[in-house]
C-alpha atoms as a PDB file:
ATOM      1  CA  MET A   1      26.957 -47.547 -82.966  1.00  0.00           C
ATOM      2  CA  PHE A   2      29.562 -45.011 -84.702  1.00  0.00           C
ATOM      3  CA  VAL A   3      32.149 -45.851 -82.150  1.00  0.00           C
ATOM      4  CA  ILE A   4      32.061 -49.493 -83.281  1.00  0.00           C
ATOM      5  CA  VAL A   5      32.034 -48.195 -87.132  1.00  0.00           C
ATOM      6  CA  GLY A   6      35.030 -46.202 -86.502  1.00  0.00           C
ATOM      7  CA  PHE A   7      37.134 -48.963 -84.881  1.00  0.00           C
ATOM      8  CA  GLY A   8      36.065 -51.276 -87.507  1.00  0.00           C
ATOM      9  CA  VAL A   9      37.531 -48.894 -89.909  1.00  0.00           C
ATOM     10  CA  VAL A  10      40.714 -48.261 -87.993  1.00  0.00           C
ATOM     11  CA  LEU A  11      41.621 -51.924 -87.565  1.00  0.00           C
ATOM     12  CA  GLY A  12      40.163 -52.859 -91.015  1.00  0.00           C
ATOM     13  CA  SER A  13      42.474 -50.263 -92.617  1.00  0.00           C
ATOM     14  CA  VAL A  14      45.374 -51.548 -90.889  1.00  0.00           C
ATOM     15  CA  VAL A  15      44.908 -55.107 -91.380  1.00  0.00           C
ATOM     16  CA  ALA A  16      44.014 -54.698 -95.167  1.00  0.00           C
ATOM     17  CA  GLY A  17      47.072 -52.615 -95.717  1.00  0.00           C
ATOM     18  CA  PHE A  18      49.157 -55.064 -93.827  1.00  0.00           C
ATOM     19  CA  THR A  19      48.024 -58.125 -95.728  1.00  0.00           C
ATOM     20  CA  MET A  20      48.107 -56.332 -99.215  1.00  0.00           C
ATOM     21  CA  ALA A  21      51.649 -55.705 -98.440  1.00  0.00           C
ATOM     22  CA  GLY A  22      52.076 -59.536 -98.129  1.00  0.00           C
ATOM     23  CA  GLY A  23      52.027 -59.577 -94.369  1.00  0.00           C
ATOM     24  CA  ASN A  24      50.825 -62.550 -92.541  1.00  0.00           C
ATOM     25  CA  ILE A  25      48.166 -61.842 -89.886  1.00  0.00           C
ATOM     26  CA  ALA A  26      49.376 -64.795 -87.467  1.00  0.00           C
ATOM     27  CA  VAL A  27      52.588 -62.728 -86.816  1.00  0.00           C
ATOM     28  CA  LEU A  28      50.511 -59.849 -85.328  1.00  0.00           C
ATOM     29  CA  ILE A  29      48.893 -62.445 -82.849  1.00  0.00           C
ATOM     30  CA  GLN A  30      51.640 -62.122 -80.147  1.00  0.00           C
ATOM     31  CA  ILE A  31      49.873 -62.977 -76.837  1.00  0.00           C
ATOM     32  CA  SER A  32      52.902 -62.134 -74.732  1.00  0.00           C
ATOM     33  CA  GLU A  33      52.936 -58.502 -76.160  1.00  0.00           C
ATOM     34  CA  PHE A  34      49.199 -58.079 -75.347  1.00  0.00           C
ATOM     35  CA  ILE A  35      49.696 -59.085 -71.744  1.00  0.00           C
ATOM     36  CA  VAL A  36      52.622 -56.915 -71.315  1.00  0.00           C
ATOM     37  CA  ILE A  37      51.092 -53.731 -72.883  1.00  0.00           C
ATOM     38  CA  GLY A  38      47.355 -54.476 -71.709  1.00  0.00           C
ATOM     39  CA  GLY A  39      48.665 -55.497 -68.056  1.00  0.00           C
ATOM     40  CA  ALA A  40      50.859 -52.375 -67.818  1.00  0.00           C
ATOM     41  CA  ALA A  41      48.291 -50.128 -68.763  1.00  0.00           C
ATOM     42  CA  LEU A  42      45.642 -51.609 -66.456  1.00  0.00           C
ATOM     43  CA  GLY A  43      48.208 -51.416 -63.716  1.00  0.00           C
ATOM     44  CA  ALA A  44      48.703 -47.833 -64.219  1.00  0.00           C
ATOM     45  CA  ILE A  45      45.080 -47.001 -64.283  1.00  0.00           C
ATOM     46  CA  LEU A  46      44.566 -48.838 -61.137  1.00  0.00           C
ATOM     47  CA  VAL A  47      47.483 -47.224 -59.280  1.00  0.00           C
ATOM     48  CA  GLY A  48      46.346 -43.647 -60.210  1.00  0.00           C
ATOM     49  CA  ASN A  49      42.715 -43.736 -59.783  1.00  0.00           C
ATOM     50  CA  PRO A  50      40.346 -44.842 -57.155  1.00  0.00           C
ATOM     51  CA  PRO A  51      38.035 -47.808 -57.813  1.00  0.00           C
ATOM     52  CA  SER A  52      35.063 -45.425 -58.608  1.00  0.00           C
ATOM     53  CA  ILE A  53      36.670 -44.302 -61.551  1.00  0.00           C
ATOM     54  CA  ILE A  54      37.301 -47.571 -63.022  1.00  0.00           C
ATOM     55  CA  GLY A  55      33.346 -48.059 -62.752  1.00  0.00           C
ATOM     56  CA  ASP A  56      32.990 -44.533 -64.405  1.00  0.00           C
ATOM     57  CA  ILE A  57      35.269 -45.582 -67.177  1.00  0.00           C
ATOM     58  CA  ILE A  58      33.280 -48.690 -67.889  1.00  0.00           C
ATOM     59  CA  ARG A  59      29.990 -47.086 -67.782  1.00  0.00           C
ATOM     60  CA  GLU A  60      31.190 -44.188 -70.057  1.00  0.00           C
ATOM     61  CA  ILE A  61      32.572 -46.409 -72.715  1.00  0.00           C
ATOM     62  CA  LEU A  62      29.489 -48.615 -72.671  1.00  0.00           C
ATOM     63  CA  GLY A  63      27.519 -45.256 -73.009  1.00  0.00           C
ATOM     64  CA  LEU A  64      29.078 -44.435 -76.220  1.00  0.00           C
ATOM     65  CA  LEU A  65      27.446 -47.450 -77.718  1.00  0.00           C
ATOM     66  CA  LYS A  66      24.095 -45.752 -77.299  1.00  0.00           C
ATOM     67  CA  GLY A  67      25.050 -42.388 -78.667  1.00  0.00           C
ATOM     68  CA  SER A  68      24.584 -39.048 -77.143  1.00  0.00           C
ATOM     69  CA  ALA A  69      21.360 -38.392 -74.990  1.00  0.00           C
ATOM     70  CA  TYR A  70      21.415 -34.926 -75.725  1.00  0.00           C
ATOM     71  CA  LYS A  71      19.687 -34.716 -78.911  1.00  0.00           C
ATOM     72  CA  LYS A  72      17.310 -32.152 -80.470  1.00  0.00           C
ATOM     73  CA  GLU A  73      14.280 -33.938 -78.704  1.00  0.00           C
ATOM     74  CA  ALA A  74      16.021 -33.522 -75.309  1.00  0.00           C
ATOM     75  CA  PHE A  75      16.530 -30.117 -75.551  1.00  0.00           C
ATOM     76  CA  ASN A  76      12.897 -29.375 -77.011  1.00  0.00           C
ATOM     77  CA  GLU A  77      11.614 -31.369 -73.809  1.00  0.00           C
ATOM     78  CA  LEU A  78      13.896 -29.266 -71.450  1.00  0.00           C
ATOM     79  CA  LEU A  79      12.318 -26.038 -72.958  1.00  0.00           C
ATOM     80  CA  LYS A  80       8.819 -27.280 -72.594  1.00  0.00           C
ATOM     81  CA  MET A  81       9.619 -28.412 -69.011  1.00  0.00           C
ATOM     82  CA  LEU A  82      11.118 -25.103 -67.945  1.00  0.00           C
ATOM     83  CA  TYR A  83       8.375 -23.143 -69.511  1.00  0.00           C
ATOM     84  CA  ASP A  84       5.574 -25.175 -67.767  1.00  0.00           C
ATOM     85  CA  LEU A  85       7.525 -24.890 -64.583  1.00  0.00           C
ATOM     86  CA  PHE A  86       7.720 -21.007 -64.960  1.00  0.00           C
ATOM     87  CA  MET A  87       4.087 -20.815 -65.694  1.00  0.00           C
ATOM     88  CA  MET A  88       3.086 -22.784 -62.509  1.00  0.00           C
ATOM     89  CA  ALA A  89       5.027 -20.381 -60.371  1.00  0.00           C
ATOM     90  CA  ARG A  90       3.439 -17.365 -62.201  1.00  0.00           C
ATOM     91  CA  ARG A  91      -0.024 -18.865 -61.493  1.00  0.00           C
ATOM     92  CA  GLU A  92       0.020 -20.515 -58.361  1.00  0.00           C
ATOM     93  CA  GLY A  93       3.112 -18.703 -56.620  1.00  0.00           C
ATOM     94  CA  MET A  94       6.525 -19.813 -55.904  1.00  0.00           C
ATOM     95  CA  VAL A  95       5.493 -22.035 -52.883  1.00  0.00           C
ATOM     96  CA  ALA A  96       3.694 -24.392 -55.582  1.00  0.00           C
ATOM     97  CA  LEU A  97       7.326 -25.404 -56.766  1.00  0.00           C
ATOM     98  CA  GLU A  98       8.517 -26.475 -53.384  1.00  0.00           C
ATOM     99  CA  HIS A  99       7.008 -29.880 -53.427  1.00  0.00           C
ATOM    100  CA  HIS A 100       8.400 -30.568 -56.882  1.00  0.00           C
ATOM    101  CA  ALA A 101      12.011 -29.092 -55.791  1.00  0.00           C
ATOM    102  CA  GLU A 102      11.961 -31.243 -52.627  1.00  0.00           C
ATOM    103  CA  ARG A 103      10.985 -34.527 -54.130  1.00  0.00           C
ATOM    104  CA  PRO A 104      11.478 -34.492 -57.993  1.00  0.00           C
ATOM    105  CA  HIS A 105      11.044 -38.401 -58.460  1.00  0.00           C
ATOM    106  CA  GLU A 106       7.801 -38.047 -56.761  1.00  0.00           C
ATOM    107  CA  SER A 107       6.306 -35.166 -58.549  1.00  0.00           C
ATOM    108  CA  ASP A 108       3.745 -35.789 -61.142  1.00  0.00           C
ATOM    109  CA  PHE A 109       5.005 -32.632 -62.992  1.00  0.00           C
ATOM    110  CA  PHE A 110       8.366 -33.910 -63.653  1.00  0.00           C
ATOM    111  CA  ARG A 111       7.201 -37.269 -64.482  1.00  0.00           C
ATOM    112  CA  ARG A 112       5.741 -35.878 -67.659  1.00  0.00           C
ATOM    113  CA  PHE A 113       9.402 -35.136 -68.756  1.00  0.00           C
ATOM    114  CA  PRO A 114      11.316 -38.588 -68.637  1.00  0.00           C
ATOM    115  CA  ASN A 115      14.522 -37.532 -70.528  1.00  0.00           C
ATOM    116  CA  PHE A 116      15.068 -34.838 -68.054  1.00  0.00           C
ATOM    117  CA  LEU A 117      14.230 -36.871 -64.840  1.00  0.00           C
ATOM    118  CA  ALA A 118      16.817 -39.720 -65.855  1.00  0.00           C
ATOM    119  CA  ASN A 119      19.492 -37.176 -65.821  1.00  0.00           C
ATOM    120  CA  HIS A 120      20.510 -36.868 -62.109  1.00  0.00           C
ATOM    121  CA  HIS A 121      23.083 -34.184 -62.771  1.00  0.00           C
ATOM    122  CA  ALA A 122      20.206 -31.843 -64.420  1.00  0.00           C
ATOM    123  CA  VAL A 123      17.618 -32.764 -61.824  1.00  0.00           C
ATOM    124  CA  ALA A 124      20.184 -31.952 -58.867  1.00  0.00           C
ATOM    125  CA  PHE A 125      21.068 -28.533 -60.547  1.00  0.00           C
ATOM    126  CA  LEU A 126      17.501 -27.413 -61.171  1.00  0.00           C
ATOM    127  CA  THR A 127      16.101 -28.590 -57.810  1.00  0.00           C
ATOM    128  CA  ASP A 128      18.912 -27.091 -55.708  1.00  0.00           C
ATOM    129  CA  THR A 129      18.638 -23.731 -57.673  1.00  0.00           C
ATOM    130  CA  LEU A 130      14.928 -23.755 -57.393  1.00  0.00           C
ATOM    131  CA  LYS A 131      15.307 -23.981 -53.494  1.00  0.00           C
ATOM    132  CA  VAL A 132      17.708 -21.102 -53.395  1.00  0.00           C
ATOM    133  CA  ILE A 133      15.248 -18.892 -55.762  1.00  0.00           C
ATOM    134  CA  ILE A 134      12.110 -20.079 -53.405  1.00  0.00           C
ATOM    135  CA  ALA A 135      14.006 -19.024 -50.288  1.00  0.00           C
ATOM    136  CA  GLY A 136      14.607 -15.593 -51.995  1.00  0.00           C
ATOM    137  CA  SER A 137      18.047 -15.303 -50.203  1.00  0.00           C
ATOM    138  CA  VAL A 138      20.114 -14.676 -53.040  1.00  0.00           C
ATOM    139  CA  GLN A 139      20.536 -11.856 -55.602  1.00  0.00           C
ATOM    140  CA  PRO A 140      20.499 -12.774 -59.485  1.00  0.00           C
ATOM    141  CA  MET A 141      24.184 -11.772 -59.651  1.00  0.00           C
ATOM    142  CA  ASP A 142      25.027 -14.140 -56.842  1.00  0.00           C
ATOM    143  CA  LEU A 143      22.795 -16.802 -57.998  1.00  0.00           C
ATOM    144  CA  ALA A 144      24.622 -16.633 -61.471  1.00  0.00           C
ATOM    145  CA  ASP A 145      27.920 -17.033 -59.698  1.00  0.00           C
ATOM    146  CA  MET A 146      26.475 -19.897 -57.346  1.00  0.00           C
ATOM    147  CA  MET A 147      25.284 -21.894 -60.939  1.00  0.00           C
ATOM    148  CA  ASP A 148      28.458 -21.192 -62.478  1.00  0.00           C
ATOM    149  CA  ILE A 149      30.461 -22.751 -59.639  1.00  0.00           C
ATOM    150  CA  ASP A 150      28.061 -25.802 -59.619  1.00  0.00           C
ATOM    151  CA  ILE A 151      28.526 -26.138 -63.385  1.00  0.00           C
ATOM    152  CA  GLU A 152      32.571 -25.791 -63.098  1.00  0.00           C
ATOM    153  CA  THR A 153      32.501 -28.451 -60.395  1.00  0.00           C
ATOM    154  CA  MET A 154      30.475 -30.901 -62.429  1.00  0.00           C
ATOM    155  CA  HIS A 155      32.679 -30.336 -65.302  1.00  0.00           C
ATOM    156  CA  LYS A 156      35.725 -31.019 -63.297  1.00  0.00           C
ATOM    157  CA  ALA A 157      34.354 -34.286 -62.269  1.00  0.00           C
ATOM    158  CA  SER A 158      33.179 -35.304 -65.558  1.00  0.00           C
ATOM    159  CA  ASP A 159      36.482 -34.699 -67.244  1.00  0.00           C
ATOM    160  CA  LYS A 160      38.203 -37.159 -64.955  1.00  0.00           C
ATOM    161  CA  VAL A 161      37.219 -40.322 -67.216  1.00  0.00           C
ATOM    162  CA  PRO A 162      38.376 -38.636 -70.579  1.00  0.00           C
ATOM    163  CA  SER A 163      41.676 -37.697 -68.837  1.00  0.00           C
ATOM    164  CA  VAL A 164      42.572 -40.906 -67.618  1.00  0.00           C
ATOM    165  CA  LEU A 165      41.716 -42.457 -71.042  1.00  0.00           C
ATOM    166  CA  GLN A 166      44.042 -39.509 -72.507  1.00  0.00           C
ATOM    167  CA  ASN A 167      46.740 -40.080 -70.180  1.00  0.00           C
ATOM    168  CA  THR A 168      46.797 -43.826 -70.835  1.00  0.00           C
ATOM    169  CA  GLY A 169      46.562 -43.411 -74.478  1.00  0.00           C
ATOM    170  CA  ASP A 170      49.628 -41.039 -74.336  1.00  0.00           C
ATOM    171  CA  ALA A 171      51.510 -43.935 -72.246  1.00  0.00           C
ATOM    172  CA  MET A 172      50.756 -46.665 -74.652  1.00  0.00           C
ATOM    173  CA  PRO A 173      53.576 -45.823 -76.980  1.00  0.00           C
ATOM    174  CA  GLY A 174      55.950 -46.053 -73.847  1.00  0.00           C
ATOM    175  CA  PHE A 175      54.396 -49.443 -72.784  1.00  0.00           C
ATOM    176  CA  GLY A 176      54.969 -50.660 -76.351  1.00  0.00           C
ATOM    177  CA  ILE A 177      58.561 -49.682 -76.064  1.00  0.00           C
ATOM    178  CA  VAL A 178      58.671 -51.497 -72.876  1.00  0.00           C
ATOM    179  CA  ALA A 179      57.295 -54.608 -74.669  1.00  0.00           C
ATOM    180  CA  ALA A 180      59.702 -54.250 -77.581  1.00  0.00           C
ATOM    181  CA  VAL A 181      62.658 -53.909 -75.398  1.00  0.00           C
ATOM    182  CA  LEU A 182      61.855 -56.988 -73.476  1.00  0.00           C
ATOM    183  CA  GLY A 183      61.464 -58.697 -77.062  1.00  0.00           C
ATOM    184  CA  VAL A 184      65.043 -57.523 -77.983  1.00  0.00           C
ATOM    185  CA  VAL A 185      66.267 -58.998 -74.562  1.00  0.00           C
ATOM    186  CA  ILE A 186      64.715 -62.478 -75.704  1.00  0.00           C
ATOM    187  CA  THR A 187      66.179 -62.133 -79.178  1.00  0.00           C
ATOM    188  CA  MET A 188      69.768 -61.327 -77.733  1.00  0.00           C
ATOM    189  CA  GLY A 189      69.194 -64.586 -75.739  1.00  0.00           C
ATOM    190  CA  ALA A 190      68.407 -66.529 -78.781  1.00  0.00           C
ATOM    191  CA  ILE A 191      71.424 -65.623 -80.906  1.00  0.00           C
ATOM    192  CA  GLY A 192      73.478 -68.493 -82.044  1.00  0.00           C
ATOM    193  CA  GLY A 193      70.099 -70.608 -82.365  1.00  0.00           C
ATOM    194  CA  LYS A 194      68.330 -71.076 -85.602  1.00  0.00           C
ATOM    195  CA  PRO A 195      67.876 -67.894 -87.696  1.00  0.00           C
ATOM    196  CA  GLU A 196      64.119 -68.461 -88.125  1.00  0.00           C
ATOM    197  CA  GLU A 197      63.767 -68.468 -84.493  1.00  0.00           C
ATOM    198  CA  ILE A 198      65.805 -65.218 -84.126  1.00  0.00           C
ATOM    199  CA  GLY A 199      63.429 -63.619 -86.690  1.00  0.00           C
ATOM    200  CA  HIS A 200      60.348 -64.687 -84.938  1.00  0.00           C
ATOM    201  CA  HIS A 201      61.672 -62.958 -81.717  1.00  0.00           C
ATOM    202  CA  VAL A 202      62.358 -59.749 -83.571  1.00  0.00           C
ATOM    203  CA  ALA A 203      59.072 -59.728 -85.295  1.00  0.00           C
ATOM    204  CA  ALA A 204      57.348 -60.119 -81.852  1.00  0.00           C
ATOM    205  CA  ALA A 205      59.413 -57.280 -80.320  1.00  0.00           C
ATOM    206  CA  LEU A 206      58.105 -54.780 -83.240  1.00  0.00           C
ATOM    207  CA  VAL A 207      54.483 -55.944 -83.007  1.00  0.00           C
ATOM    208  CA  GLY A 208      54.931 -54.579 -79.133  1.00  0.00           C
ATOM    209  CA  THR A 209      55.838 -51.040 -80.529  1.00  0.00           C
ATOM    210  CA  PHE A 210      53.115 -51.253 -83.299  1.00  0.00           C
ATOM    211  CA  LEU A 211      50.543 -52.090 -80.763  1.00  0.00           C
ATOM    212  CA  GLY A 212      51.499 -49.277 -78.462  1.00  0.00           C
ATOM    213  CA  VAL A 213      51.124 -46.683 -81.146  1.00  0.00           C
ATOM    214  CA  LEU A 214      48.010 -48.188 -82.709  1.00  0.00           C
ATOM    215  CA  LEU A 215      46.262 -48.367 -79.176  1.00  0.00           C
ATOM    216  CA  ALA A 216      47.171 -44.723 -78.433  1.00  0.00           C
ATOM    217  CA  TYR A 217      46.065 -43.134 -81.611  1.00  0.00           C
ATOM    218  CA  GLY A 218      43.694 -45.633 -82.734  1.00  0.00           C
ATOM    219  CA  VAL A 219      41.763 -46.543 -79.854  1.00  0.00           C
ATOM    220  CA  PHE A 220      42.374 -44.466 -76.372  1.00  0.00           C
ATOM    221  CA  GLY A 221      42.653 -40.936 -78.149  1.00  0.00           C
ATOM    222  CA  PRO A 222      39.501 -41.386 -79.892  1.00  0.00           C
ATOM    223  CA  LEU A 223      37.750 -42.879 -76.808  1.00  0.00           C
ATOM    224  CA  ALA A 224      38.721 -39.816 -74.929  1.00  0.00           C
ATOM    225  CA  ALA A 225      37.187 -37.453 -77.571  1.00  0.00           C
ATOM    226  CA  ALA A 226      34.175 -39.381 -77.710  1.00  0.00           C
ATOM    227  CA  VAL A 227      33.553 -39.003 -74.157  1.00  0.00           C
ATOM    228  CA  ARG A 228      34.214 -35.316 -74.158  1.00  0.00           C
ATOM    229  CA  ASN A 229      31.824 -34.859 -77.046  1.00  0.00           C
ATOM    230  CA  ASN A 230      29.104 -36.490 -74.759  1.00  0.00           C
ATOM    231  CA  HIS A 231      30.108 -34.328 -71.879  1.00  0.00           C
ATOM    232  CA  ALA A 232      29.803 -31.219 -73.886  1.00  0.00           C
ATOM    233  CA  GLY A 233      26.311 -32.046 -74.554  1.00  0.00           C
ATOM    234  CA  GLU A 234      25.522 -32.182 -70.907  1.00  0.00           C
ATOM    235  CA  ALA A 235      27.440 -28.836 -70.398  1.00  0.00           C
ATOM    236  CA  GLN A 236      25.145 -27.277 -72.896  1.00  0.00           C
ATOM    237  CA  TYR A 237      22.171 -28.813 -71.186  1.00  0.00           C
ATOM    238  CA  LEU A 238      23.016 -27.152 -67.848  1.00  0.00           C
ATOM    239  CA  ALA A 239      23.796 -24.046 -69.615  1.00  0.00           C
ATOM    240  CA  CYS A 240      20.387 -23.785 -70.999  1.00  0.00           C
ATOM    241  CA  MET A 241      18.879 -24.123 -67.532  1.00  0.00           C
ATOM    242  CA  LYS A 242      21.241 -21.646 -65.899  1.00  0.00           C
ATOM    243  CA  SER A 243      20.237 -18.932 -68.437  1.00  0.00           C
ATOM    244  CA  ALA A 244      16.442 -19.850 -67.726  1.00  0.00           C
ATOM    245  CA  LEU A 245      16.623 -19.995 -64.191  1.00  0.00           C
ATOM    246  CA  LEU A 246      18.530 -16.506 -64.208  1.00  0.00           C
ATOM    247  CA  ALA A 247      16.128 -14.985 -66.367  1.00  0.00           C
ATOM    248  CA  PHE A 248      13.340 -16.387 -64.065  1.00  0.00           C
ATOM    249  CA  ALA A 249      14.790 -15.117 -60.870  1.00  0.00           C
ATOM    250  CA  ARG A 250      14.963 -11.620 -62.444  1.00  0.00           C
ATOM    251  CA  GLY A 251      11.360 -11.814 -63.012  1.00  0.00           C
ATOM    252  CA  ASP A 252      11.296 -12.039 -66.796  1.00  0.00           C
ATOM    253  CA  ALA A 253       8.424 -13.532 -68.329  1.00  0.00           C
ATOM    254  CA  PRO A 254       8.448 -17.434 -68.857  1.00  0.00           C
ATOM    255  CA  VAL A 255       8.587 -17.240 -72.603  1.00  0.00           C
ATOM    256  CA  THR A 256      11.382 -14.610 -72.331  1.00  0.00           C
ATOM    257  CA  ALA A 257      13.420 -16.863 -69.894  1.00  0.00           C
ATOM    258  CA  VAL A 258      12.830 -20.065 -72.041  1.00  0.00           C
ATOM    259  CA  GLU A 259      14.335 -18.090 -75.042  1.00  0.00           C
ATOM    260  CA  PHE A 260      17.296 -17.257 -73.165  1.00  0.00           C
ATOM    261  CA  ALA A 261      17.907 -21.119 -72.682  1.00  0.00           C
ATOM    262  CA  ARG A 262      17.051 -21.589 -76.512  1.00  0.00           C
ATOM    263  CA  ARG A 263      19.967 -19.220 -77.349  1.00  0.00           C
ATOM    264  CA  ASN A 264      22.198 -21.589 -75.522  1.00  0.00           C
ATOM    265  CA  ILE A 265      21.613 -24.571 -77.792  1.00  0.00           C
ATOM    266  CA  GLU A 266      24.102 -25.168 -80.770  1.00  0.00           C
ATOM    267  CA  PRO A 267      22.301 -24.365 -84.115  1.00  0.00           C
ATOM    268  CA  SER A 268      22.179 -28.025 -85.101  1.00  0.00           C
ATOM    269  CA  LEU A 269      20.139 -28.931 -82.236  1.00  0.00           C
ATOM    270  CA  ARG A 270      18.379 -25.759 -81.722  1.00  0.00           C
ATOM    271  CA  CYS A 271      14.606 -25.558 -82.734  1.00  0.00           C
ATOM    272  CA  SER A 272      13.445 -22.286 -84.470  1.00  0.00           C
ATOM    273  CA  PHE A 273      11.488 -19.908 -82.365  1.00  0.00           C
ATOM    274  CA  ALA A 274       8.182 -20.507 -83.963  1.00  0.00           C
ATOM    275  CA  GLU A 275       8.674 -24.291 -83.306  1.00  0.00           C
ATOM    276  CA  MET A 276       9.343 -23.519 -79.673  1.00  0.00           C
ATOM    277  CA  GLU A 277       6.488 -21.124 -79.546  1.00  0.00           C
ATOM    278  CA  ALA A 278       3.958 -23.834 -80.835  1.00  0.00           C
ATOM    279  CA  ALA A 279       5.726 -26.515 -78.779  1.00  0.00           C
ATOM    280  CA  LEU A 280       5.108 -24.290 -75.559  1.00  0.00           C
ATOM    281  CA  LYS A 281       1.203 -24.028 -76.331  1.00  0.00           C
ATOM    282  CA  GLN A 282       0.827 -27.714 -76.216  1.00  0.00           C
ATOM    283  CA  ASN A 283      -0.687 -29.268 -73.158  1.00  0.00           C
END
C-alpha cells in the first residue's frame, strides 16, 4: 500500500508542479517516447536475464503491495516454534524430530505455525540443518560455517531481482537520451515546415529525457530499495534460526537458544524478554 502512496506522491508532485507553472499535461503524453524507452528497457532486461528472473521480478513487485511478511507477529511465532521444537527434542530425544524434518508440510507440529510453514526458504533452511544435527556428524563450529554458506547463497539469489531493477533504473536516463536524440532527428527533418510543428517535435524529444530521468529516480530506484528492504527481513529471520540452532547444537537450554534468536531481531520488531517468556509458556 505504501508503494502505491509513494508513487502517487512522486507523480502527483511532478504533475502538480508542471501544471502550476502553466504546463499542458497533454504535451507529456508522447506515446512514441513511451514505446522507445519502455521497449528498450524491456528488451535489455530480456537480453540480460533468464525467463525465471522475469517471473521473479513480477512476483516481487506484486509482493510489495502486500507489505513485508516479517512483522513482529512473525518473529514471535518463530521464537515460539523454535522453543517448542527444542523442548520436543529434550523430552523425546532427537529421533522425535526426524519425521518433522523429513516431511515438514505433513507435520502436525509445523502446521501450528502457518507463517513459518509458508516460507519455503525458512522451512528448507531449518529442516536441512536439523537433519545434520540429528545425524550428529558436524561440530558446532562447522555447523555455523555451513549455515553461513546457506544464508549467503540465499542472499545472492534474492539480490538478483533488486539488482536487475537498479541496473534498469541506471540505464533509464540513457534510454531517455536515445528517445530525445531520435526526437531531434525528427525535428531536423521538419525544419522548413510550420514553426508550431517544429516546436511540437522539440517538446516530444525533451519528454523522452524527462521520462528517462523520472523513471530512473522515481520508479526503478525506489522499487529496488523496497525489494531489498523486504529481503533484509528475510535475512534477519534466517539469522534468528541460525543463532538458535547453533545454540541448540551446542547443548544450550531451549530458552537460552531462543534468547540467542531474539537478540538477532531489530528493536522495533523484537518482543521483550518478559513477553517472550510469557509466550513460550502458552500451549
